[in-house]
C-alpha atoms as a PDB file:
ATOM      1  CA  UNK A   1      76.992 187.896 170.594  1.00  0.00           C
ATOM      2  CA  UNK A   2      73.555 188.454 169.131  1.00  0.00           C
ATOM      3  CA  UNK A   3      72.052 185.834 166.918  1.00  0.00           C
ATOM      4  CA  UNK A   4      71.811 186.865 163.312  1.00  0.00           C
ATOM      5  CA  UNK A   5      68.184 187.305 162.234  1.00  0.00           C
ATOM      6  CA  UNK A   6      68.684 186.091 158.682  1.00  0.00           C
ATOM      7  CA  UNK A   7      69.293 182.623 157.297  1.00  0.00           C
ATOM      8  CA  UNK A   8      70.991 182.194 153.904  1.00  0.00           C
ATOM      9  CA  UNK A   9      68.752 181.106 151.014  1.00  0.00           C
ATOM     10  CA  UNK A  10      69.010 182.182 147.397  1.00  0.00           C
ATOM     11  CA  UNK A  11      68.548 185.926 146.889  1.00  0.00           C
ATOM     12  CA  UNK A  12      66.229 186.577 149.822  1.00  0.00           C
ATOM     13  CA  UNK A  13      66.383 186.067 153.570  1.00  0.00           C
ATOM     14  CA  UNK A  14      64.288 184.195 156.080  1.00  0.00           C
ATOM     15  CA  UNK A  15      61.055 186.008 157.024  1.00  0.00           C
ATOM     16  CA  UNK A  16      60.212 186.235 160.713  1.00  0.00           C
ATOM     17  CA  UNK A  17      56.560 185.162 160.893  1.00  0.00           C
ATOM     18  CA  UNK A  18      54.623 186.155 163.992  1.00  0.00           C
ATOM     19  CA  UNK A  19      51.646 184.071 165.144  1.00  0.00           C
ATOM     20  CA  UNK A  20      48.365 185.690 166.147  1.00  0.00           C
ATOM     21  CA  UNK A  21      46.783 185.630 169.604  1.00  0.00           C
ATOM     22  CA  UNK A  22      44.682 182.622 170.576  1.00  0.00           C
ATOM     23  CA  UNK A  23      41.040 183.067 171.380  1.00  0.00           C
ATOM     24  CA  UNK A  24      40.267 182.520 175.057  1.00  0.00           C
ATOM     25  CA  UNK A  25      38.637 179.199 175.886  1.00  0.00           C
ATOM     26  CA  UNK A  26      36.172 181.116 178.084  1.00  0.00           C
ATOM     27  CA  UNK A  27      34.668 182.896 175.080  1.00  0.00           C
ATOM     28  CA  UNK A  28      31.219 181.535 174.396  1.00  0.00           C
ATOM     29  CA  UNK A  29      30.023 183.675 171.507  1.00  0.00           C
ATOM     30  CA  UNK A  30      31.035 182.588 168.049  1.00  0.00           C
ATOM     31  CA  UNK A  31      33.802 184.862 166.769  1.00  0.00           C
ATOM     32  CA  UNK A  32      32.975 187.266 164.021  1.00  0.00           C
ATOM     33  CA  UNK A  33      34.834 186.451 160.843  1.00  0.00           C
ATOM     34  CA  UNK A  34      36.474 189.705 159.710  1.00  0.00           C
ATOM     35  CA  UNK A  35      35.828 190.793 156.181  1.00  0.00           C
ATOM     36  CA  UNK A  36      38.794 190.429 153.884  1.00  0.00           C
ATOM     37  CA  UNK A  37      40.308 193.807 153.007  1.00  0.00           C
ATOM     38  CA  UNK A  38      39.728 194.935 149.458  1.00  0.00           C
ATOM     39  CA  UNK A  39      42.701 194.299 147.203  1.00  0.00           C
ATOM     40  CA  UNK A  40      44.398 197.591 146.449  1.00  0.00           C
ATOM     41  CA  UNK A  41      46.296 198.260 143.250  1.00  0.00           C
ATOM     42  CA  UNK A  42      48.842 201.053 143.637  1.00  0.00           C
ATOM     43  CA  UNK A  43      50.816 200.310 140.467  1.00  0.00           C
ATOM     44  CA  UNK A  44      50.274 203.831 139.170  1.00  0.00           C
ATOM     45  CA  UNK A  45      52.029 205.233 142.274  1.00  0.00           C
ATOM     46  CA  UNK A  46      55.153 203.133 141.620  1.00  0.00           C
ATOM     47  CA  UNK A  47      55.731 203.297 137.848  1.00  0.00           C
ATOM     48  CA  UNK A  48      59.359 202.158 138.151  1.00  0.00           C
ATOM     49  CA  UNK A  49      58.556 198.961 140.050  1.00  0.00           C
ATOM     50  CA  UNK A  50      57.592 195.712 138.286  1.00  0.00           C
ATOM     51  CA  UNK A  51      54.304 195.381 140.174  1.00  0.00           C
ATOM     52  CA  UNK A  52      52.513 194.113 137.082  1.00  0.00           C
ATOM     53  CA  UNK A  53      54.607 190.937 137.313  1.00  0.00           C
ATOM     54  CA  UNK A  54      53.015 190.096 140.685  1.00  0.00           C
ATOM     55  CA  UNK A  55      49.770 188.263 141.196  1.00  0.00           C
ATOM     56  CA  UNK A  56      46.777 190.411 142.128  1.00  0.00           C
ATOM     57  CA  UNK A  57      47.025 189.212 145.734  1.00  0.00           C
ATOM     58  CA  UNK A  58      50.780 189.865 146.004  1.00  0.00           C
ATOM     59  CA  UNK A  59      50.360 193.289 144.458  1.00  0.00           C
ATOM     60  CA  UNK A  60      47.708 194.065 147.053  1.00  0.00           C
ATOM     61  CA  UNK A  61      50.051 192.987 149.877  1.00  0.00           C
ATOM     62  CA  UNK A  62      52.806 195.244 148.568  1.00  0.00           C
ATOM     63  CA  UNK A  63      50.399 198.157 148.310  1.00  0.00           C
ATOM     64  CA  UNK A  64      49.210 197.609 151.883  1.00  0.00           C
ATOM     65  CA  UNK A  65      52.840 197.563 153.006  1.00  0.00           C
ATOM     66  CA  UNK A  66      53.590 200.780 151.124  1.00  0.00           C
ATOM     67  CA  UNK A  67      50.536 202.570 152.509  1.00  0.00           C
ATOM     68  CA  UNK A  68      50.922 201.426 156.133  1.00  0.00           C
ATOM     69  CA  UNK A  69      54.706 201.561 156.728  1.00  0.00           C
ATOM     70  CA  UNK A  70      56.610 204.731 157.619  1.00  0.00           C
ATOM     71  CA  UNK A  71      59.722 205.485 155.590  1.00  0.00           C
ATOM     72  CA  UNK A  72      63.047 205.082 157.382  1.00  0.00           C
ATOM     73  CA  UNK A  73      64.360 208.423 156.103  1.00  0.00           C
ATOM     74  CA  UNK A  74      62.663 210.118 159.066  1.00  0.00           C
ATOM     75  CA  UNK A  75      60.081 212.043 157.101  1.00  0.00           C
ATOM     76  CA  UNK A  76      56.470 212.021 158.423  1.00  0.00           C
ATOM     77  CA  UNK A  77      55.215 209.918 155.513  1.00  0.00           C
ATOM     78  CA  UNK A  78      54.447 206.333 154.739  1.00  0.00           C
ATOM     79  CA  UNK A  79      56.511 204.668 152.040  1.00  0.00           C
ATOM     80  CA  UNK A  80      53.855 205.535 149.445  1.00  0.00           C
ATOM     81  CA  UNK A  81      53.757 209.141 150.654  1.00  0.00           C
ATOM     82  CA  UNK A  82      57.540 209.440 150.594  1.00  0.00           C
ATOM     83  CA  UNK A  83      57.648 208.176 147.015  1.00  0.00           C
ATOM     84  CA  UNK A  84      55.190 210.927 146.122  1.00  0.00           C
ATOM     85  CA  UNK A  85      56.729 213.757 148.184  1.00  0.00           C
ATOM     86  CA  UNK A  86      60.417 212.775 148.008  1.00  0.00           C
ATOM     87  CA  UNK A  87      60.912 210.648 144.877  1.00  0.00           C
ATOM     88  CA  UNK A  88      64.713 210.827 145.287  1.00  0.00           C
ATOM     89  CA  UNK A  89      64.664 209.266 148.783  1.00  0.00           C
ATOM     90  CA  UNK A  90      67.050 206.268 148.726  1.00  0.00           C
ATOM     91  CA  UNK A  91      65.344 204.604 151.678  1.00  0.00           C
ATOM     92  CA  UNK A  92      61.976 204.555 149.988  1.00  0.00           C
ATOM     93  CA  UNK A  93      63.548 202.779 147.029  1.00  0.00           C
ATOM     94  CA  UNK A  94      65.436 200.382 149.314  1.00  0.00           C
ATOM     95  CA  UNK A  95      62.384 199.515 151.396  1.00  0.00           C
ATOM     96  CA  UNK A  96      60.297 198.953 148.291  1.00  0.00           C
ATOM     97  CA  UNK A  97      62.925 196.667 146.750  1.00  0.00           C
ATOM     98  CA  UNK A  98      63.307 194.598 149.931  1.00  0.00           C
ATOM     99  CA  UNK A  99      59.568 194.240 150.478  1.00  0.00           C
ATOM    100  CA  UNK A 100      58.905 193.472 146.833  1.00  0.00           C
ATOM    101  CA  UNK A 101      61.526 190.700 146.799  1.00  0.00           C
ATOM    102  CA  UNK A 102      60.123 189.176 149.990  1.00  0.00           C
ATOM    103  CA  UNK A 103      56.535 189.242 148.766  1.00  0.00           C
ATOM    104  CA  UNK A 104      57.395 187.952 145.295  1.00  0.00           C
ATOM    105  CA  UNK A 105      59.710 185.158 146.451  1.00  0.00           C
ATOM    106  CA  UNK A 106      58.051 184.008 149.676  1.00  0.00           C
ATOM    107  CA  UNK A 107      54.447 185.098 149.288  1.00  0.00           C
ATOM    108  CA  UNK A 108      54.832 187.311 152.360  1.00  0.00           C
ATOM    109  CA  UNK A 109      51.944 189.344 153.698  1.00  0.00           C
ATOM    110  CA  UNK A 110      52.264 193.102 154.127  1.00  0.00           C
ATOM    111  CA  UNK A 111      52.924 192.536 157.846  1.00  0.00           C
ATOM    112  CA  UNK A 112      55.627 189.935 157.203  1.00  0.00           C
ATOM    113  CA  UNK A 113      57.258 192.186 154.606  1.00  0.00           C
ATOM    114  CA  UNK A 114      57.262 195.026 157.146  1.00  0.00           C
ATOM    115  CA  UNK A 115      58.889 192.715 159.695  1.00  0.00           C
ATOM    116  CA  UNK A 116      61.535 191.709 157.162  1.00  0.00           C
ATOM    117  CA  UNK A 117      62.336 195.312 156.240  1.00  0.00           C
ATOM    118  CA  UNK A 118      62.427 196.281 159.916  1.00  0.00           C
ATOM    119  CA  UNK A 119      64.820 193.388 160.548  1.00  0.00           C
ATOM    120  CA  UNK A 120      67.108 194.638 157.791  1.00  0.00           C
ATOM    121  CA  UNK A 121      67.290 198.123 159.310  1.00  0.00           C
ATOM    122  CA  UNK A 122      67.723 196.713 162.823  1.00  0.00           C
ATOM    123  CA  UNK A 123      70.994 195.069 161.730  1.00  0.00           C
ATOM    124  CA  UNK A 124      72.603 198.514 161.523  1.00  0.00           C
ATOM    125  CA  UNK A 125      72.337 198.965 165.280  1.00  0.00           C
ATOM    126  CA  UNK A 126      75.489 198.336 167.304  1.00  0.00           C
ATOM    127  CA  UNK A 127      73.896 195.588 169.396  1.00  0.00           C
ATOM    128  CA  UNK A 128      73.057 193.567 166.267  1.00  0.00           C
ATOM    129  CA  UNK A 129      76.647 193.479 165.037  1.00  0.00           C
ATOM    130  CA  UNK A 130      79.205 190.774 165.710  1.00  0.00           C
ATOM    131  CA  UNK A 131      82.934 191.294 166.090  1.00  0.00           C
ATOM    132  CA  UNK A 132      85.386 189.624 163.721  1.00  0.00           C
ATOM    133  CA  UNK A 133      89.149 189.759 163.903  1.00  0.00           C
ATOM    134  CA  UNK A 134      89.984 189.773 160.209  1.00  0.00           C
ATOM    135  CA  UNK A 135      93.726 190.164 160.761  1.00  0.00           C
ATOM    136  CA  UNK A 136      94.288 186.408 160.528  1.00  0.00           C
ATOM    137  CA  UNK A 137      91.778 185.748 157.736  1.00  0.00           C
ATOM    138  CA  UNK A 138      92.514 185.502 154.015  1.00  0.00           C
ATOM    139  CA  UNK A 139      91.050 188.675 152.489  1.00  0.00           C
ATOM    140  CA  UNK A 140      90.693 190.280 149.079  1.00  0.00           C
ATOM    141  CA  UNK A 141      90.962 194.060 149.082  1.00  0.00           C
ATOM    142  CA  UNK A 142      92.859 196.579 151.151  1.00  0.00           C
ATOM    143  CA  UNK A 143      93.208 196.203 154.911  1.00  0.00           C
ATOM    144  CA  UNK A 144      92.101 199.820 155.324  1.00  0.00           C
ATOM    145  CA  UNK A 145      88.786 199.257 153.533  1.00  0.00           C
ATOM    146  CA  UNK A 146      85.791 200.924 155.174  1.00  0.00           C
ATOM    147  CA  UNK A 147      83.557 197.906 154.604  1.00  0.00           C
ATOM    148  CA  UNK A 148      84.591 194.347 155.459  1.00  0.00           C
ATOM    149  CA  UNK A 149      82.506 191.459 154.169  1.00  0.00           C
ATOM    150  CA  UNK A 150      83.081 188.200 156.028  1.00  0.00           C
ATOM    151  CA  UNK A 151      81.780 185.213 154.089  1.00  0.00           C
ATOM    152  CA  UNK A 152      81.128 181.802 155.627  1.00  0.00           C
ATOM    153  CA  UNK A 153      81.525 179.392 152.735  1.00  0.00           C
ATOM    154  CA  UNK A 154      81.846 175.726 151.781  1.00  0.00           C
ATOM    155  CA  UNK A 155      84.055 174.678 148.875  1.00  0.00           C
ATOM    156  CA  UNK A 156      81.521 171.986 147.914  1.00  0.00           C
ATOM    157  CA  UNK A 157      78.487 174.284 148.056  1.00  0.00           C
ATOM    158  CA  UNK A 158      77.138 175.122 144.563  1.00  0.00           C
ATOM    159  CA  UNK A 159      75.538 178.342 145.868  1.00  0.00           C
ATOM    160  CA  UNK A 160      78.934 179.476 147.160  1.00  0.00           C
ATOM    161  CA  UNK A 161      80.450 178.772 143.754  1.00  0.00           C
ATOM    162  CA  UNK A 162      77.679 180.815 142.142  1.00  0.00           C
ATOM    163  CA  UNK A 163      78.191 183.717 144.569  1.00  0.00           C
ATOM    164  CA  UNK A 164      81.975 183.876 144.160  1.00  0.00           C
ATOM    165  CA  UNK A 165      82.130 185.979 140.941  1.00  0.00           C
ATOM    166  CA  UNK A 166      79.557 188.424 142.302  1.00  0.00           C
ATOM    167  CA  UNK A 167      81.454 188.960 145.560  1.00  0.00           C
ATOM    168  CA  UNK A 168      84.845 189.245 143.897  1.00  0.00           C
ATOM    169  CA  UNK A 169      83.477 191.745 141.354  1.00  0.00           C
ATOM    170  CA  UNK A 170      82.126 193.834 144.217  1.00  0.00           C
ATOM    171  CA  UNK A 171      85.618 194.043 145.730  1.00  0.00           C
ATOM    172  CA  UNK A 172      87.186 194.800 142.358  1.00  0.00           C
ATOM    173  CA  UNK A 173      84.692 197.577 141.578  1.00  0.00           C
ATOM    174  CA  UNK A 174      84.640 199.159 145.032  1.00  0.00           C
ATOM    175  CA  UNK A 175      88.009 199.870 146.701  1.00  0.00           C
ATOM    176  CA  UNK A 176      86.228 200.663 149.966  1.00  0.00           C
ATOM    177  CA  UNK A 177      85.179 196.999 150.274  1.00  0.00           C
ATOM    178  CA  UNK A 178      87.226 193.929 151.174  1.00  0.00           C
ATOM    179  CA  UNK A 179      86.118 190.286 151.318  1.00  0.00           C
ATOM    180  CA  UNK A 180      87.364 187.867 153.980  1.00  0.00           C
ATOM    181  CA  UNK A 181      86.801 184.110 153.976  1.00  0.00           C
ATOM    182  CA  UNK A 182      85.857 181.655 156.717  1.00  0.00           C
ATOM    183  CA  UNK A 183      85.183 177.960 156.080  1.00  0.00           C
ATOM    184  CA  UNK A 184      81.871 176.497 157.187  1.00  0.00           C
ATOM    185  CA  UNK A 185      82.111 172.921 155.840  1.00  0.00           C
ATOM    186  CA  UNK A 186      78.740 171.178 155.555  1.00  0.00           C
ATOM    187  CA  UNK A 187      79.060 168.665 152.734  1.00  0.00           C
ATOM    188  CA  UNK A 188      80.238 165.066 152.991  1.00  0.00           C
ATOM    189  CA  UNK A 189      83.978 165.621 152.536  1.00  0.00           C
ATOM    190  CA  UNK A 190      84.253 169.404 152.680  1.00  0.00           C
ATOM    191  CA  UNK A 191      85.976 169.345 156.075  1.00  0.00           C
ATOM    192  CA  UNK A 192      88.939 167.938 154.127  1.00  0.00           C
ATOM    193  CA  UNK A 193      88.933 170.777 151.589  1.00  0.00           C
ATOM    194  CA  UNK A 194      88.541 173.313 154.423  1.00  0.00           C
ATOM    195  CA  UNK A 195      91.610 171.854 156.138  1.00  0.00           C
ATOM    196  CA  UNK A 196      93.548 171.919 152.871  1.00  0.00           C
ATOM    197  CA  UNK A 197      92.584 175.553 152.259  1.00  0.00           C
ATOM    198  CA  UNK A 198      93.597 176.502 155.795  1.00  0.00           C
ATOM    199  CA  UNK A 199      97.012 174.995 155.159  1.00  0.00           C
ATOM    200  CA  UNK A 200      97.211 176.866 151.837  1.00  0.00           C
ATOM    201  CA  UNK A 201      96.469 180.123 153.680  1.00  0.00           C
ATOM    202  CA  UNK A 202      99.414 179.479 156.012  1.00  0.00           C
ATOM    203  CA  UNK A 203     101.652 179.242 152.923  1.00  0.00           C
ATOM    204  CA  UNK A 204     100.312 182.392 151.239  1.00  0.00           C
ATOM    205  CA  UNK A 205      98.521 180.390 148.543  1.00  0.00           C
ATOM    206  CA  UNK A 206      94.939 180.598 149.774  1.00  0.00           C
ATOM    207  CA  UNK A 207      93.309 182.451 146.885  1.00  0.00           C
ATOM    208  CA  UNK A 208      95.066 180.368 144.210  1.00  0.00           C
ATOM    209  CA  UNK A 209      93.896 177.210 145.923  1.00  0.00           C
ATOM    210  CA  UNK A 210      90.464 178.721 146.666  1.00  0.00           C
ATOM    211  CA  UNK A 211      89.896 179.348 142.944  1.00  0.00           C
ATOM    212  CA  UNK A 212      91.036 175.860 141.968  1.00  0.00           C
ATOM    213  CA  UNK A 213      88.743 174.255 144.562  1.00  0.00           C
ATOM    214  CA  UNK A 214      85.672 176.076 143.263  1.00  0.00           C
ATOM    215  CA  UNK A 215      86.588 175.514 139.625  1.00  0.00           C
ATOM    216  CA  UNK A 216      86.915 171.773 140.246  1.00  0.00           C
ATOM    217  CA  UNK A 217      83.882 171.472 142.520  1.00  0.00           C
ATOM    218  CA  UNK A 218      81.666 169.461 140.161  1.00  0.00           C
ATOM    219  CA  UNK A 219      84.304 166.828 139.424  1.00  0.00           C
ATOM    220  CA  UNK A 220      84.820 165.761 143.056  1.00  0.00           C
ATOM    221  CA  UNK A 221      81.353 165.885 144.639  1.00  0.00           C
ATOM    222  CA  UNK A 222      80.609 162.188 144.019  1.00  0.00           C
ATOM    223  CA  UNK A 223      84.072 160.879 144.920  1.00  0.00           C
ATOM    224  CA  UNK A 224      84.798 158.688 147.918  1.00  0.00           C
ATOM    225  CA  UNK A 225      87.136 160.047 150.590  1.00  0.00           C
ATOM    226  CA  UNK A 226      90.296 158.554 149.120  1.00  0.00           C
ATOM    227  CA  UNK A 227      89.631 159.869 145.619  1.00  0.00           C
ATOM    228  CA  UNK A 228      88.490 163.210 147.036  1.00  0.00           C
ATOM    229  CA  UNK A 229      91.734 163.564 148.982  1.00  0.00           C
ATOM    230  CA  UNK A 230      93.759 162.645 145.891  1.00  0.00           C
ATOM    231  CA  UNK A 231      91.993 165.434 143.989  1.00  0.00           C
ATOM    232  CA  UNK A 232      92.802 167.918 146.772  1.00  0.00           C
ATOM    233  CA  UNK A 233      96.469 166.971 146.499  1.00  0.00           C
ATOM    234  CA  UNK A 234      96.420 167.343 142.721  1.00  0.00           C
ATOM    235  CA  UNK A 235      94.977 170.843 143.006  1.00  0.00           C
ATOM    236  CA  UNK A 236      97.442 171.675 145.761  1.00  0.00           C
ATOM    237  CA  UNK A 237     100.315 170.824 143.460  1.00  0.00           C
ATOM    238  CA  UNK A 238      98.852 173.198 140.857  1.00  0.00           C
ATOM    239  CA  UNK A 239      98.742 175.912 143.526  1.00  0.00           C
ATOM    240  CA  UNK A 240     102.417 175.361 144.323  1.00  0.00           C
ATOM    241  CA  UNK A 241     101.914 173.533 147.635  1.00  0.00           C
ATOM    242  CA  UNK A 242     104.091 170.724 148.957  1.00  0.00           C
ATOM    243  CA  UNK A 243     102.078 167.553 148.378  1.00  0.00           C
ATOM    244  CA  UNK A 244     103.391 165.677 151.417  1.00  0.00           C
ATOM    245  CA  UNK A 245     102.808 168.541 153.825  1.00  0.00           C
ATOM    246  CA  UNK A 246      99.337 169.145 152.376  1.00  0.00           C
ATOM    247  CA  UNK A 247      98.464 165.463 152.872  1.00  0.00           C
ATOM    248  CA  UNK A 248      99.447 165.734 156.562  1.00  0.00           C
ATOM    249  CA  UNK A 249      97.400 168.926 157.006  1.00  0.00           C
ATOM    250  CA  UNK A 250      94.281 167.367 155.480  1.00  0.00           C
ATOM    251  CA  UNK A 251      94.346 164.623 158.125  1.00  0.00           C
ATOM    252  CA  UNK A 252      95.623 166.777 161.015  1.00  0.00           C
ATOM    253  CA  UNK A 253      93.215 166.301 163.981  1.00  0.00           C
ATOM    254  CA  UNK A 254      94.259 169.636 165.506  1.00  0.00           C
ATOM    255  CA  UNK A 255      93.340 171.445 162.315  1.00  0.00           C
ATOM    256  CA  UNK A 256      90.001 169.639 162.188  1.00  0.00           C
ATOM    257  CA  UNK A 257      89.357 170.570 165.819  1.00  0.00           C
ATOM    258  CA  UNK A 258      90.095 174.206 164.965  1.00  0.00           C
ATOM    259  CA  UNK A 259      87.588 174.107 162.103  1.00  0.00           C
ATOM    260  CA  UNK A 260      84.948 172.490 164.333  1.00  0.00           C
ATOM    261  CA  UNK A 261      85.383 175.281 166.893  1.00  0.00           C
ATOM    262  CA  UNK A 262      85.057 177.774 164.066  1.00  0.00           C
ATOM    263  CA  UNK A 263      81.790 176.124 163.030  1.00  0.00           C
ATOM    264  CA  UNK A 264      80.479 176.215 166.607  1.00  0.00           C
ATOM    265  CA  UNK A 265      81.229 179.933 166.834  1.00  0.00           C
ATOM    266  CA  UNK A 266      79.471 180.507 163.528  1.00  0.00           C
ATOM    267  CA  UNK A 267      76.377 178.647 164.720  1.00  0.00           C
ATOM    268  CA  UNK A 268      76.279 180.856 167.807  1.00  0.00           C
ATOM    269  CA  UNK A 269      76.087 183.801 165.410  1.00  0.00           C
ATOM    270  CA  UNK A 270      73.115 182.231 163.636  1.00  0.00           C
ATOM    271  CA  UNK A 271      74.965 180.755 160.679  1.00  0.00           C
ATOM    272  CA  UNK A 272      73.193 177.614 159.512  1.00  0.00           C
ATOM    273  CA  UNK A 273      74.080 177.405 155.843  1.00  0.00           C
ATOM    274  CA  UNK A 274      76.280 178.809 153.118  1.00  0.00           C
ATOM    275  CA  UNK A 275      77.003 181.292 151.751  1.00  0.00           C
ATOM    276  CA  UNK A 276      76.414 183.539 154.755  1.00  0.00           C
ATOM    277  CA  UNK A 277      77.631 187.117 154.894  1.00  0.00           C
ATOM    278  CA  UNK A 278      78.415 189.643 157.607  1.00  0.00           C
ATOM    279  CA  UNK A 279      79.002 193.233 156.525  1.00  0.00           C
ATOM    280  CA  UNK A 280      80.982 195.171 159.140  1.00  0.00           C
ATOM    281  CA  UNK A 281      79.668 192.634 161.612  1.00  0.00           C
ATOM    282  CA  UNK A 282      76.006 192.931 160.694  1.00  0.00           C
ATOM    283  CA  UNK A 283      74.254 189.935 159.149  1.00  0.00           C
ATOM    284  CA  UNK A 284      72.927 190.495 155.662  1.00  0.00           C
ATOM    285  CA  UNK A 285      70.653 188.251 153.620  1.00  0.00           C
ATOM    286  CA  UNK A 286      72.172 186.594 150.604  1.00  0.00           C
ATOM    287  CA  UNK A 287      71.287 189.123 147.935  1.00  0.00           C
ATOM    288  CA  UNK A 288      71.384 189.792 144.250  1.00  0.00           C
ATOM    289  CA  UNK A 289      74.380 191.766 143.002  1.00  0.00           C
ATOM    290  CA  UNK A 290      72.244 194.895 142.793  1.00  0.00           C
ATOM    291  CA  UNK A 291      70.939 194.635 146.353  1.00  0.00           C
ATOM    292  CA  UNK A 292      74.415 193.858 147.675  1.00  0.00           C
ATOM    293  CA  UNK A 293      75.646 197.088 146.092  1.00  0.00           C
ATOM    294  CA  UNK A 294      72.764 198.951 147.726  1.00  0.00           C
ATOM    295  CA  UNK A 295      73.403 197.544 151.176  1.00  0.00           C
ATOM    296  CA  UNK A 296      77.060 198.601 150.880  1.00  0.00           C
ATOM    297  CA  UNK A 297      75.822 202.113 150.061  1.00  0.00           C
ATOM    298  CA  UNK A 298      73.563 201.966 153.121  1.00  0.00           C
ATOM    299  CA  UNK A 299      76.518 201.010 155.299  1.00  0.00           C
ATOM    300  CA  UNK A 300      78.630 203.862 153.956  1.00  0.00           C
ATOM    301  CA  UNK A 301      75.790 206.318 154.583  1.00  0.00           C
ATOM    302  CA  UNK A 302      75.408 205.004 158.129  1.00  0.00           C
ATOM    303  CA  UNK A 303      79.136 205.519 158.769  1.00  0.00           C
ATOM    304  CA  UNK A 304      79.264 208.986 157.186  1.00  0.00           C
ATOM    305  CA  UNK A 305      76.418 210.162 159.432  1.00  0.00           C
ATOM    306  CA  UNK A 306      77.879 208.820 162.701  1.00  0.00           C
ATOM    307  CA  UNK A 307      75.634 205.779 162.853  1.00  0.00           C
ATOM    308  CA  UNK A 308      72.474 207.545 161.750  1.00  0.00           C
ATOM    309  CA  UNK A 309      70.559 207.850 158.513  1.00  0.00           C
ATOM    310  CA  UNK A 310      70.907 210.992 156.443  1.00  0.00           C
ATOM    311  CA  UNK A 311      67.769 213.100 156.353  1.00  0.00           C
ATOM    312  CA  UNK A 312      66.159 213.248 152.926  1.00  0.00           C
END
């Protein structure tokens, strides 16, 4: 399966930076230092974008991106030209938002922003998607949903706790979306909570226990293993689970082996941290609620047009 090109960090994804060519050792003449390009300010061309909040340099990088990059809608215009000629084009807005976030958050150059945006659109291709059998996973939303979000998560990860309301609201607001959960335990004792949650899933109590684990996250992070396990049992009782059977599951070596294999598979897909999302098998950067809504819209457009973009 292809490796996912994005790594999960808050609100934006990893930029793929490409190194330049090395000067040949046989060159004897001193290289000419190229003049720095003049900083361009295109704020007037994008009145609905918060370009004024960027530094002068960052604004110049965005403007270079907009003036040098063709729009993905298929029109014969750069992004800047498409904004002018087709102001309703959804891809122009999407590309601008992605590039702007990358430049603002990571200080990306115009070239790096273009690479990031290109990487986002490349994930829609069939060869970039991974296959998930969601039939055995705990999921929120209807099984016939057009869009399936698979989240790799850790019950002790504060970013996962922060993302939970946003993801669950997305499912609640959009019946065409469902959310499925896979554990990717990374913290000190979170293999224990992953095992406990897996047992809860087998008893039909996953989401009750899932909510209790995230709600009680802060109170158990500094506990030793014995106290941590005791807290898992206390929460399990609240979720209606048999305390004795849950205690056995938490320490079950076969269950731990299963979770380790699950982690190995996730790493092969490029998962290195949490939360990490796949949308219909394509990796997506961890996004704001607004951008997550937009990428769902992109996916639905892609499906409606038989795996192509609609012409503007």
